[in-house]
N, C-alpha and C. Protein backbone atom coordinates (compact mmCIF):
# COMPACT_ATOMS: atom_id res chain seq x y z
N UNK A 1 -25.02 48.32 26.76
CA UNK A 1 -23.76 48.95 27.10
C UNK A 1 -24.00 49.89 28.29
N UNK A 2 -23.17 49.80 29.30
CA UNK A 2 -23.33 50.63 30.49
C UNK A 2 -22.91 52.07 30.21
N UNK A 3 -23.30 52.97 31.09
CA UNK A 3 -22.88 54.37 30.97
C UNK A 3 -21.36 54.50 31.00
N UNK A 4 -20.70 53.74 31.86
CA UNK A 4 -19.25 53.79 31.93
C UNK A 4 -18.62 53.32 30.62
N UNK A 5 -19.14 52.25 30.04
CA UNK A 5 -18.62 51.76 28.76
C UNK A 5 -18.85 52.80 27.66
N UNK A 6 -20.00 53.43 27.68
CA UNK A 6 -20.30 54.48 26.71
C UNK A 6 -19.33 55.65 26.87
N UNK A 7 -19.10 56.06 28.12
CA UNK A 7 -18.15 57.13 28.39
C UNK A 7 -16.76 56.75 27.86
N UNK A 8 -16.32 55.54 28.15
CA UNK A 8 -14.98 55.11 27.75
C UNK A 8 -14.84 55.03 26.23
N UNK A 9 -15.88 54.62 25.54
CA UNK A 9 -15.82 54.58 24.07
C UNK A 9 -15.63 55.99 23.50
N UNK A 10 -16.38 56.94 24.04
CA UNK A 10 -16.26 58.30 23.52
C UNK A 10 -14.98 58.98 24.02
N UNK A 11 -14.52 58.60 25.18
CA UNK A 11 -13.23 59.10 25.67
C UNK A 11 -12.13 58.62 24.71
N UNK A 12 -12.21 57.37 24.30
CA UNK A 12 -11.26 56.80 23.34
C UNK A 12 -11.28 57.58 22.03
N UNK A 13 -12.49 57.86 21.51
CA UNK A 13 -12.62 58.63 20.27
C UNK A 13 -12.01 60.02 20.46
N UNK A 14 -12.33 60.68 21.56
CA UNK A 14 -11.78 62.01 21.83
C UNK A 14 -10.27 61.99 21.99
N UNK A 15 -9.75 60.94 22.56
CA UNK A 15 -8.31 60.83 22.81
C UNK A 15 -7.52 60.63 21.52
N UNK A 16 -8.08 59.88 20.59
CA UNK A 16 -7.33 59.52 19.39
C UNK A 16 -7.78 60.22 18.12
N UNK A 17 -8.67 61.19 18.23
CA UNK A 17 -9.08 61.96 17.06
C UNK A 17 -8.13 63.12 16.88
N UNK A 18 -7.56 63.20 15.68
CA UNK A 18 -6.69 64.31 15.32
C UNK A 18 -7.29 64.96 14.09
N UNK A 19 -7.56 66.25 14.15
CA UNK A 19 -8.03 66.95 12.98
C UNK A 19 -9.47 67.41 13.03
N UNK A 20 -10.14 67.23 14.14
CA UNK A 20 -11.49 67.76 14.25
C UNK A 20 -12.56 66.73 14.01
N UNK A 21 -13.81 67.23 13.99
CA UNK A 21 -14.98 66.37 13.92
C UNK A 21 -15.03 65.46 12.71
N UNK A 22 -14.74 66.00 11.52
CA UNK A 22 -14.80 65.15 10.33
C UNK A 22 -13.76 64.04 10.38
N UNK A 23 -12.61 64.33 10.97
CA UNK A 23 -11.58 63.30 11.08
C UNK A 23 -11.96 62.22 12.09
N UNK A 24 -12.89 62.53 12.97
CA UNK A 24 -13.31 61.53 13.97
C UNK A 24 -14.28 60.51 13.41
N UNK A 25 -14.84 60.77 12.24
CA UNK A 25 -15.88 59.91 11.71
C UNK A 25 -15.42 58.47 11.51
N UNK A 26 -14.27 58.21 10.85
CA UNK A 26 -13.86 56.80 10.71
C UNK A 26 -13.66 56.10 12.06
N UNK A 27 -13.10 56.80 13.03
CA UNK A 27 -12.88 56.21 14.34
C UNK A 27 -14.22 55.96 15.05
N UNK A 28 -15.16 56.90 14.91
CA UNK A 28 -16.49 56.70 15.50
C UNK A 28 -17.20 55.52 14.85
N UNK A 29 -17.08 55.41 13.53
CA UNK A 29 -17.68 54.28 12.85
C UNK A 29 -17.17 52.98 13.44
N UNK A 30 -15.86 52.90 13.58
CA UNK A 30 -15.25 51.68 14.10
C UNK A 30 -15.67 51.43 15.55
N UNK A 31 -15.67 52.47 16.35
CA UNK A 31 -15.92 52.34 17.78
C UNK A 31 -17.39 52.18 18.13
N UNK A 32 -18.27 52.82 17.38
CA UNK A 32 -19.69 52.84 17.72
C UNK A 32 -20.50 51.88 16.84
N UNK A 33 -20.34 52.00 15.52
CA UNK A 33 -21.13 51.19 14.60
C UNK A 33 -20.67 49.74 14.60
N UNK A 34 -19.36 49.53 14.48
CA UNK A 34 -18.84 48.16 14.46
C UNK A 34 -19.10 47.42 15.77
N UNK A 35 -19.28 48.16 16.85
CA UNK A 35 -19.60 47.55 18.14
C UNK A 35 -21.08 47.20 18.25
N UNK A 36 -21.87 47.63 17.26
CA UNK A 36 -23.29 47.29 17.25
C UNK A 36 -24.17 48.24 18.06
N UNK A 37 -23.62 49.37 18.49
CA UNK A 37 -24.41 50.31 19.27
C UNK A 37 -25.52 50.93 18.42
N UNK A 38 -25.18 51.34 17.19
CA UNK A 38 -26.16 51.85 16.24
C UNK A 38 -25.81 51.31 14.86
N UNK A 39 -26.75 51.42 13.92
CA UNK A 39 -26.50 50.95 12.56
C UNK A 39 -25.73 52.02 11.78
N UNK A 40 -25.15 51.60 10.66
CA UNK A 40 -24.42 52.55 9.81
C UNK A 40 -25.35 53.61 9.25
N UNK A 41 -26.54 53.21 8.83
CA UNK A 41 -27.51 54.19 8.32
C UNK A 41 -27.88 55.21 9.39
N UNK A 42 -28.12 54.72 10.61
CA UNK A 42 -28.46 55.62 11.71
C UNK A 42 -27.29 56.57 11.99
N UNK A 43 -26.06 56.03 11.93
CA UNK A 43 -24.88 56.85 12.15
C UNK A 43 -24.82 58.00 11.15
N UNK A 44 -25.02 57.69 9.87
CA UNK A 44 -24.94 58.74 8.85
C UNK A 44 -26.11 59.70 8.93
N UNK A 45 -27.27 59.24 9.37
CA UNK A 45 -28.39 60.17 9.60
C UNK A 45 -28.04 61.12 10.74
N UNK A 46 -27.49 60.57 11.82
CA UNK A 46 -27.08 61.41 12.95
C UNK A 46 -25.96 62.36 12.54
N UNK A 47 -25.08 61.90 11.67
CA UNK A 47 -24.00 62.76 11.17
C UNK A 47 -24.57 63.94 10.40
N UNK A 48 -25.58 63.68 9.58
CA UNK A 48 -26.24 64.76 8.85
C UNK A 48 -26.87 65.78 9.79
N UNK A 49 -27.52 65.30 10.83
CA UNK A 49 -28.12 66.20 11.82
C UNK A 49 -27.01 66.97 12.54
N UNK A 50 -25.93 66.29 12.89
CA UNK A 50 -24.83 66.93 13.61
C UNK A 50 -24.19 68.04 12.77
N UNK A 51 -24.12 67.83 11.47
CA UNK A 51 -23.54 68.85 10.60
C UNK A 51 -24.49 70.03 10.41
N UNK A 52 -25.76 69.79 10.62
CA UNK A 52 -26.77 70.83 10.40
C UNK A 52 -27.03 71.68 11.63
N UNK A 53 -26.54 71.26 12.77
CA UNK A 53 -26.79 71.99 14.00
C UNK A 53 -25.52 72.69 14.47
N UNK A 54 -25.68 73.76 15.23
CA UNK A 54 -24.50 74.49 15.70
C UNK A 54 -23.63 73.62 16.62
N UNK A 55 -22.35 73.83 16.55
CA UNK A 55 -21.42 73.13 17.43
C UNK A 55 -20.56 72.14 16.68
N UNK A 56 -19.56 71.63 17.36
CA UNK A 56 -18.64 70.67 16.74
C UNK A 56 -19.36 69.37 16.37
N UNK A 57 -19.07 68.86 15.20
CA UNK A 57 -19.74 67.67 14.68
C UNK A 57 -19.56 66.48 15.61
N UNK A 58 -18.34 66.22 16.03
CA UNK A 58 -18.08 65.07 16.89
C UNK A 58 -18.81 65.15 18.22
N UNK A 59 -18.85 66.34 18.79
CA UNK A 59 -19.55 66.53 20.07
C UNK A 59 -21.05 66.36 19.87
N UNK A 60 -21.59 66.94 18.81
CA UNK A 60 -23.02 66.79 18.53
C UNK A 60 -23.38 65.32 18.34
N UNK A 61 -22.57 64.62 17.57
CA UNK A 61 -22.83 63.21 17.30
C UNK A 61 -22.77 62.39 18.59
N UNK A 62 -21.76 62.66 19.41
CA UNK A 62 -21.65 61.95 20.69
C UNK A 62 -22.87 62.23 21.56
N UNK A 63 -23.29 63.47 21.61
CA UNK A 63 -24.45 63.85 22.43
C UNK A 63 -25.71 63.14 21.94
N UNK A 64 -25.92 63.12 20.62
CA UNK A 64 -27.11 62.46 20.08
C UNK A 64 -27.11 60.97 20.39
N UNK A 65 -25.96 60.33 20.25
CA UNK A 65 -25.89 58.89 20.52
C UNK A 65 -26.13 58.62 22.00
N UNK A 66 -25.48 59.38 22.86
CA UNK A 66 -25.68 59.20 24.30
C UNK A 66 -27.11 59.45 24.71
N UNK A 67 -27.72 60.50 24.16
CA UNK A 67 -29.11 60.80 24.47
C UNK A 67 -30.03 59.68 24.00
N UNK A 68 -29.72 59.14 22.83
CA UNK A 68 -30.53 58.04 22.29
C UNK A 68 -30.46 56.79 23.15
N UNK A 69 -29.34 56.58 23.81
CA UNK A 69 -29.16 55.37 24.63
C UNK A 69 -29.67 55.54 26.06
N UNK A 70 -29.40 56.71 26.67
CA UNK A 70 -29.70 56.89 28.10
C UNK A 70 -30.39 58.21 28.43
N UNK A 71 -30.91 58.90 27.44
CA UNK A 71 -31.57 60.17 27.71
C UNK A 71 -30.56 61.27 28.02
N UNK A 72 -30.99 62.23 28.82
CA UNK A 72 -30.15 63.40 29.12
C UNK A 72 -28.83 62.99 29.75
N UNK A 73 -28.85 62.08 30.71
CA UNK A 73 -27.61 61.67 31.38
C UNK A 73 -26.65 61.01 30.39
N UNK A 74 -27.17 60.25 29.45
CA UNK A 74 -26.33 59.64 28.42
C UNK A 74 -25.69 60.68 27.53
N UNK A 75 -26.46 61.71 27.17
CA UNK A 75 -25.92 62.81 26.37
C UNK A 75 -24.80 63.53 27.09
N UNK A 76 -24.97 63.75 28.38
CA UNK A 76 -23.94 64.42 29.18
C UNK A 76 -22.69 63.54 29.28
N UNK A 77 -22.88 62.26 29.53
CA UNK A 77 -21.75 61.33 29.69
C UNK A 77 -20.94 61.22 28.40
N UNK A 78 -21.61 61.05 27.27
CA UNK A 78 -20.87 60.93 26.01
C UNK A 78 -20.20 62.24 25.62
N UNK A 79 -20.86 63.35 25.89
CA UNK A 79 -20.26 64.66 25.60
C UNK A 79 -18.99 64.85 26.43
N UNK A 80 -19.08 64.56 27.72
CA UNK A 80 -17.88 64.66 28.56
C UNK A 80 -16.80 63.70 28.09
N UNK A 81 -17.20 62.50 27.70
CA UNK A 81 -16.24 61.52 27.22
C UNK A 81 -15.45 62.01 26.02
N UNK A 82 -16.11 62.66 25.09
CA UNK A 82 -15.42 63.08 23.87
C UNK A 82 -14.64 64.38 24.06
N UNK A 83 -15.07 65.26 24.99
CA UNK A 83 -14.37 66.55 25.11
C UNK A 83 -13.26 66.57 26.15
N UNK A 84 -13.33 65.73 27.16
CA UNK A 84 -12.29 65.77 28.20
C UNK A 84 -10.87 65.51 27.66
N UNK A 85 -10.67 64.50 26.81
CA UNK A 85 -9.32 64.31 26.28
C UNK A 85 -8.83 65.53 25.50
N UNK A 86 -9.72 66.11 24.71
CA UNK A 86 -9.36 67.29 23.93
C UNK A 86 -8.96 68.45 24.83
N UNK A 87 -9.70 68.64 25.88
CA UNK A 87 -9.40 69.72 26.82
C UNK A 87 -7.99 69.57 27.39
N UNK A 88 -7.68 68.39 27.89
CA UNK A 88 -6.36 68.17 28.51
C UNK A 88 -5.24 68.18 27.48
N UNK A 89 -5.46 67.54 26.35
CA UNK A 89 -4.42 67.51 25.31
C UNK A 89 -4.17 68.91 24.76
N UNK A 90 -5.23 69.66 24.52
CA UNK A 90 -5.07 71.03 23.99
C UNK A 90 -4.28 71.89 24.96
N UNK A 91 -4.57 71.74 26.21
CA UNK A 91 -3.83 72.52 27.22
C UNK A 91 -2.34 72.16 27.18
N UNK A 92 -2.03 70.88 27.18
CA UNK A 92 -0.63 70.46 27.17
C UNK A 92 0.09 70.83 25.87
N UNK A 93 -0.60 70.64 24.75
CA UNK A 93 0.01 70.97 23.46
C UNK A 93 0.25 72.47 23.34
N UNK A 94 -0.70 73.27 23.79
CA UNK A 94 -0.52 74.73 23.68
C UNK A 94 0.68 75.20 24.49
N UNK A 95 0.88 74.58 25.62
CA UNK A 95 2.06 74.94 26.44
C UNK A 95 3.35 74.56 25.72
N UNK A 96 3.38 73.37 25.15
CA UNK A 96 4.59 72.91 24.47
C UNK A 96 4.77 73.60 23.12
N UNK A 97 3.67 73.88 22.44
CA UNK A 97 3.75 74.45 21.10
C UNK A 97 4.41 75.83 21.12
N UNK A 98 4.10 76.61 22.14
CA UNK A 98 4.71 77.94 22.25
C UNK A 98 6.22 77.82 22.32
N UNK A 99 6.69 76.77 22.92
CA UNK A 99 8.12 76.59 23.12
C UNK A 99 8.82 75.97 21.91
N UNK A 100 8.14 75.03 21.22
CA UNK A 100 8.82 74.23 20.20
C UNK A 100 8.25 74.38 18.79
N UNK A 101 7.37 75.33 18.55
CA UNK A 101 6.66 75.41 17.27
C UNK A 101 7.56 75.63 16.06
N UNK A 102 8.69 76.22 16.21
CA UNK A 102 9.56 76.51 15.07
C UNK A 102 10.63 75.46 14.83
N UNK A 103 10.62 74.37 15.58
CA UNK A 103 11.64 73.34 15.37
C UNK A 103 11.29 72.51 14.13
N UNK A 104 12.31 71.98 13.52
CA UNK A 104 12.15 71.19 12.30
C UNK A 104 11.29 69.94 12.56
N UNK A 105 11.49 69.31 13.68
CA UNK A 105 10.76 68.09 14.01
C UNK A 105 9.25 68.36 14.15
N UNK A 106 8.89 69.45 14.80
CA UNK A 106 7.48 69.79 14.99
C UNK A 106 6.85 70.13 13.64
N UNK A 107 7.53 70.91 12.83
CA UNK A 107 7.00 71.27 11.51
C UNK A 107 6.81 70.02 10.65
N UNK A 108 7.77 69.10 10.68
CA UNK A 108 7.67 67.87 9.90
C UNK A 108 6.52 67.00 10.42
N UNK A 109 6.35 66.94 11.72
CA UNK A 109 5.26 66.15 12.31
C UNK A 109 3.91 66.68 11.86
N UNK A 110 3.74 67.99 11.88
CA UNK A 110 2.47 68.57 11.48
C UNK A 110 2.20 68.35 9.99
N UNK A 111 3.25 68.32 9.18
CA UNK A 111 3.07 68.03 7.76
C UNK A 111 2.48 66.63 7.59
N UNK A 112 3.03 65.65 8.31
CA UNK A 112 2.52 64.28 8.25
C UNK A 112 1.12 64.16 8.82
N UNK A 113 0.86 64.85 9.91
CA UNK A 113 -0.47 64.80 10.54
C UNK A 113 -1.52 65.37 9.60
N UNK A 114 -1.21 66.47 8.91
CA UNK A 114 -2.17 67.06 7.97
C UNK A 114 -2.51 66.08 6.86
N UNK A 115 -1.54 65.34 6.38
CA UNK A 115 -1.79 64.35 5.32
C UNK A 115 -2.72 63.25 5.82
N UNK A 116 -2.48 62.77 7.03
CA UNK A 116 -3.32 61.72 7.61
C UNK A 116 -4.74 62.23 7.82
N UNK A 117 -4.87 63.43 8.35
CA UNK A 117 -6.21 64.00 8.59
C UNK A 117 -6.96 64.17 7.28
N UNK A 118 -6.27 64.57 6.23
CA UNK A 118 -6.90 64.69 4.92
C UNK A 118 -7.44 63.34 4.45
N UNK A 119 -6.66 62.30 4.64
CA UNK A 119 -7.12 60.95 4.29
C UNK A 119 -8.31 60.52 5.11
N UNK A 120 -8.32 60.85 6.39
CA UNK A 120 -9.44 60.48 7.26
C UNK A 120 -10.72 61.22 6.85
N UNK A 121 -10.59 62.49 6.50
CA UNK A 121 -11.75 63.26 6.06
C UNK A 121 -12.26 62.71 4.72
N UNK A 122 -11.34 62.34 3.83
CA UNK A 122 -11.75 61.76 2.54
C UNK A 122 -12.48 60.43 2.76
N UNK A 123 -12.02 59.64 3.72
CA UNK A 123 -12.69 58.38 4.03
C UNK A 123 -14.11 58.64 4.53
N UNK A 124 -14.25 59.63 5.39
CA UNK A 124 -15.58 59.98 5.90
C UNK A 124 -16.47 60.47 4.77
N UNK A 125 -15.92 61.30 3.89
CA UNK A 125 -16.71 61.81 2.76
C UNK A 125 -17.16 60.66 1.86
N UNK A 126 -16.28 59.69 1.63
CA UNK A 126 -16.66 58.54 0.81
C UNK A 126 -17.77 57.73 1.49
N UNK A 127 -17.69 57.59 2.80
CA UNK A 127 -18.73 56.87 3.53
C UNK A 127 -20.09 57.54 3.36
N UNK A 128 -20.12 58.85 3.45
CA UNK A 128 -21.38 59.59 3.28
C UNK A 128 -21.85 59.46 1.83
N UNK A 129 -20.93 59.59 0.87
CA UNK A 129 -21.26 59.44 -0.54
C UNK A 129 -21.84 58.06 -0.82
N UNK A 130 -21.23 57.03 -0.23
CA UNK A 130 -21.68 55.65 -0.43
C UNK A 130 -23.11 55.46 0.06
N UNK A 131 -23.43 56.03 1.21
CA UNK A 131 -24.78 55.89 1.77
C UNK A 131 -25.80 56.73 1.00
N UNK A 132 -25.37 57.90 0.52
CA UNK A 132 -26.28 58.85 -0.09
C UNK A 132 -26.47 58.63 -1.59
N UNK A 133 -25.39 58.44 -2.32
CA UNK A 133 -25.44 58.44 -3.78
C UNK A 133 -25.42 57.04 -4.37
N UNK A 134 -24.67 56.13 -3.77
CA UNK A 134 -24.56 54.78 -4.32
C UNK A 134 -25.65 53.88 -3.73
N UNK A 135 -26.24 53.06 -4.59
CA UNK A 135 -27.31 52.15 -4.18
C UNK A 135 -26.87 50.72 -4.45
N UNK A 136 -25.93 50.23 -3.69
CA UNK A 136 -25.37 48.92 -3.93
C UNK A 136 -26.43 47.82 -3.88
N UNK A 137 -27.35 47.91 -2.93
CA UNK A 137 -28.39 46.89 -2.80
C UNK A 137 -29.32 46.87 -4.01
N UNK A 138 -29.66 48.05 -4.53
CA UNK A 138 -30.51 48.14 -5.72
C UNK A 138 -29.77 47.56 -6.92
N UNK A 139 -28.49 47.87 -7.04
CA UNK A 139 -27.67 47.34 -8.13
C UNK A 139 -27.59 45.82 -8.07
N UNK A 140 -27.36 45.28 -6.88
CA UNK A 140 -27.26 43.83 -6.74
C UNK A 140 -28.57 43.14 -7.12
N UNK A 141 -29.68 43.75 -6.76
CA UNK A 141 -30.98 43.15 -7.07
C UNK A 141 -31.30 43.21 -8.56
N UNK A 142 -30.92 44.30 -9.22
CA UNK A 142 -31.29 44.48 -10.63
C UNK A 142 -30.19 44.05 -11.60
N UNK A 143 -28.94 44.17 -11.19
CA UNK A 143 -27.83 43.88 -12.10
C UNK A 143 -27.60 44.98 -13.12
N UNK A 144 -28.35 46.05 -13.03
CA UNK A 144 -28.24 47.17 -13.96
C UNK A 144 -27.25 48.19 -13.42
N UNK A 145 -26.22 48.51 -14.21
CA UNK A 145 -25.20 49.45 -13.75
C UNK A 145 -25.77 50.84 -13.48
N UNK A 146 -26.76 51.24 -14.24
CA UNK A 146 -27.36 52.56 -14.03
C UNK A 146 -28.10 52.67 -12.71
N UNK A 147 -28.49 51.52 -12.15
CA UNK A 147 -29.19 51.55 -10.87
C UNK A 147 -28.23 51.69 -9.69
N UNK A 148 -26.93 51.63 -9.96
CA UNK A 148 -25.94 51.76 -8.89
C UNK A 148 -25.94 53.16 -8.28
N UNK A 149 -26.34 54.14 -9.07
CA UNK A 149 -26.29 55.54 -8.63
C UNK A 149 -27.70 56.08 -8.42
N UNK A 150 -27.91 56.77 -7.32
CA UNK A 150 -29.13 57.51 -7.10
C UNK A 150 -28.92 58.85 -7.82
N UNK A 151 -29.44 58.95 -9.01
CA UNK A 151 -29.13 60.08 -9.89
C UNK A 151 -29.64 61.40 -9.34
N UNK A 152 -30.76 61.39 -8.66
CA UNK A 152 -31.27 62.63 -8.07
C UNK A 152 -30.35 63.12 -6.95
N UNK A 153 -29.92 62.20 -6.11
CA UNK A 153 -28.99 62.57 -5.03
C UNK A 153 -27.67 63.05 -5.61
N UNK A 154 -27.19 62.40 -6.67
CA UNK A 154 -25.96 62.83 -7.32
C UNK A 154 -26.13 64.23 -7.91
N UNK A 155 -27.31 64.49 -8.47
CA UNK A 155 -27.59 65.82 -9.03
C UNK A 155 -27.57 66.89 -7.95
N UNK A 156 -28.20 66.61 -6.81
CA UNK A 156 -28.20 67.57 -5.69
C UNK A 156 -26.76 67.81 -5.24
N UNK A 157 -26.01 66.71 -5.08
CA UNK A 157 -24.60 66.83 -4.68
C UNK A 157 -23.83 67.70 -5.66
N UNK A 158 -23.98 67.44 -6.97
CA UNK A 158 -23.21 68.17 -7.98
C UNK A 158 -23.57 69.66 -7.98
N UNK A 159 -24.86 69.95 -7.89
CA UNK A 159 -25.28 71.36 -7.90
C UNK A 159 -24.72 72.10 -6.68
N UNK A 160 -24.85 71.50 -5.51
CA UNK A 160 -24.35 72.15 -4.29
C UNK A 160 -22.83 72.26 -4.33
N UNK A 161 -22.16 71.25 -4.84
CA UNK A 161 -20.70 71.29 -4.95
C UNK A 161 -20.26 72.46 -5.82
N UNK A 162 -20.89 72.62 -6.98
CA UNK A 162 -20.55 73.73 -7.88
C UNK A 162 -20.89 75.07 -7.22
N UNK A 163 -22.05 75.14 -6.58
CA UNK A 163 -22.43 76.39 -5.90
C UNK A 163 -21.42 76.76 -4.80
N UNK A 164 -20.97 75.74 -4.05
CA UNK A 164 -19.99 75.99 -3.00
C UNK A 164 -18.67 76.50 -3.57
N UNK A 165 -18.25 75.95 -4.69
CA UNK A 165 -17.01 76.41 -5.31
C UNK A 165 -17.15 77.82 -5.88
N UNK A 166 -18.32 78.11 -6.42
CA UNK A 166 -18.55 79.39 -7.10
C UNK A 166 -18.91 80.52 -6.14
N UNK A 167 -19.80 80.22 -5.19
CA UNK A 167 -20.30 81.25 -4.27
C UNK A 167 -19.95 80.87 -2.84
N UNK A 168 -19.29 81.69 -2.16
CA UNK A 168 -18.88 81.42 -0.77
C UNK A 168 -19.95 81.92 0.20
N UNK A 169 -21.08 81.23 0.21
CA UNK A 169 -22.18 81.56 1.11
C UNK A 169 -22.10 80.71 2.36
N UNK A 170 -22.88 81.05 3.34
CA UNK A 170 -22.87 80.32 4.61
C UNK A 170 -23.35 78.89 4.39
N UNK A 171 -22.69 77.91 5.03
CA UNK A 171 -23.08 76.50 4.86
C UNK A 171 -24.53 76.20 5.21
N UNK A 172 -25.11 76.95 6.13
CA UNK A 172 -26.51 76.71 6.51
C UNK A 172 -27.43 76.90 5.30
N UNK A 173 -27.10 77.86 4.44
CA UNK A 173 -27.89 78.07 3.23
C UNK A 173 -27.88 76.81 2.37
N UNK A 174 -26.72 76.22 2.19
CA UNK A 174 -26.61 75.02 1.35
C UNK A 174 -27.28 73.81 2.02
N UNK A 175 -27.20 73.72 3.32
CA UNK A 175 -27.88 72.63 4.03
C UNK A 175 -29.39 72.77 3.85
N UNK A 176 -29.89 74.00 3.99
CA UNK A 176 -31.33 74.24 3.81
C UNK A 176 -31.74 73.93 2.37
N UNK A 177 -30.92 74.34 1.40
CA UNK A 177 -31.23 74.04 0.00
C UNK A 177 -31.23 72.53 -0.25
N UNK A 178 -30.28 71.84 0.36
CA UNK A 178 -30.22 70.39 0.21
C UNK A 178 -31.44 69.71 0.81
N UNK A 179 -31.86 70.17 1.98
CA UNK A 179 -33.06 69.62 2.60
C UNK A 179 -34.29 69.85 1.75
N UNK A 180 -34.41 71.06 1.22
CA UNK A 180 -35.55 71.39 0.34
C UNK A 180 -35.52 70.56 -0.92
N UNK A 181 -34.34 70.43 -1.53
CA UNK A 181 -34.21 69.63 -2.75
C UNK A 181 -34.54 68.17 -2.47
N UNK A 182 -34.11 67.66 -1.31
CA UNK A 182 -34.45 66.30 -0.94
C UNK A 182 -35.93 66.08 -0.80
N UNK A 183 -36.61 67.05 -0.19
CA UNK A 183 -38.07 66.96 -0.04
C UNK A 183 -38.78 66.96 -1.39
N UNK A 184 -38.30 67.79 -2.29
CA UNK A 184 -38.95 67.94 -3.59
C UNK A 184 -38.60 66.79 -4.54
N UNK A 185 -37.33 66.39 -4.57
CA UNK A 185 -36.87 65.46 -5.60
C UNK A 185 -36.79 64.00 -5.16
N UNK A 186 -36.59 63.75 -3.88
CA UNK A 186 -36.36 62.37 -3.50
C UNK A 186 -37.54 61.80 -2.85
C-alpha cells in the first residue's frame, strides 16, 4: 500500500469517526484489518498499546500502524490523515454549534448520535473481549464448553471491572495492574 493510499485510508477513518477513539475502532477494523494491512490480533495488540500510552487512542493507533509500514514518515502521514478531518470538522461544527445548539433538530440529532456512538463503543469492547477472553479456536479443537473461556483473563477482567466501579483511580494504575496480572497469571 502506498503512502498516499495509507493517508487516504486514515483520512477516511478520521472523516467518518463520530464519538472519539473508541468509536473509531469498528471503522478502523473494517478499513485496516479487512484490507489486509495488519491482522486482527496485531490490531488489538496495537489497540492495547494505544490505550496504555498518552494521547488519543485513534491517533496513537494510526501512528503505530503508519510507523510499522513506513517508519517515521508513515507515522506522520497516518497521523495527519486521521487528524486533518477532525480539525476542519471541529472548526466548522464549533462555529455552527454556537448559533444552533439550542434548536430542537440539533438536540434530537445529538441524541441519535450518542446512541450510535454507544453501539460502536460496545462493538469495539466486544471485539477486545472476544480476542482476550474467548478462545474460539481452543473450543473448536476440544469441543469442551469450558475451554471457550480463558478463565484467568476473565478473572483479571472481572477484578479490574469491579475495582473501576468501586474505586475511581487513574486508568494508568489499572493498566499497570492488568499488565502485572498478565505477567503473573497468563
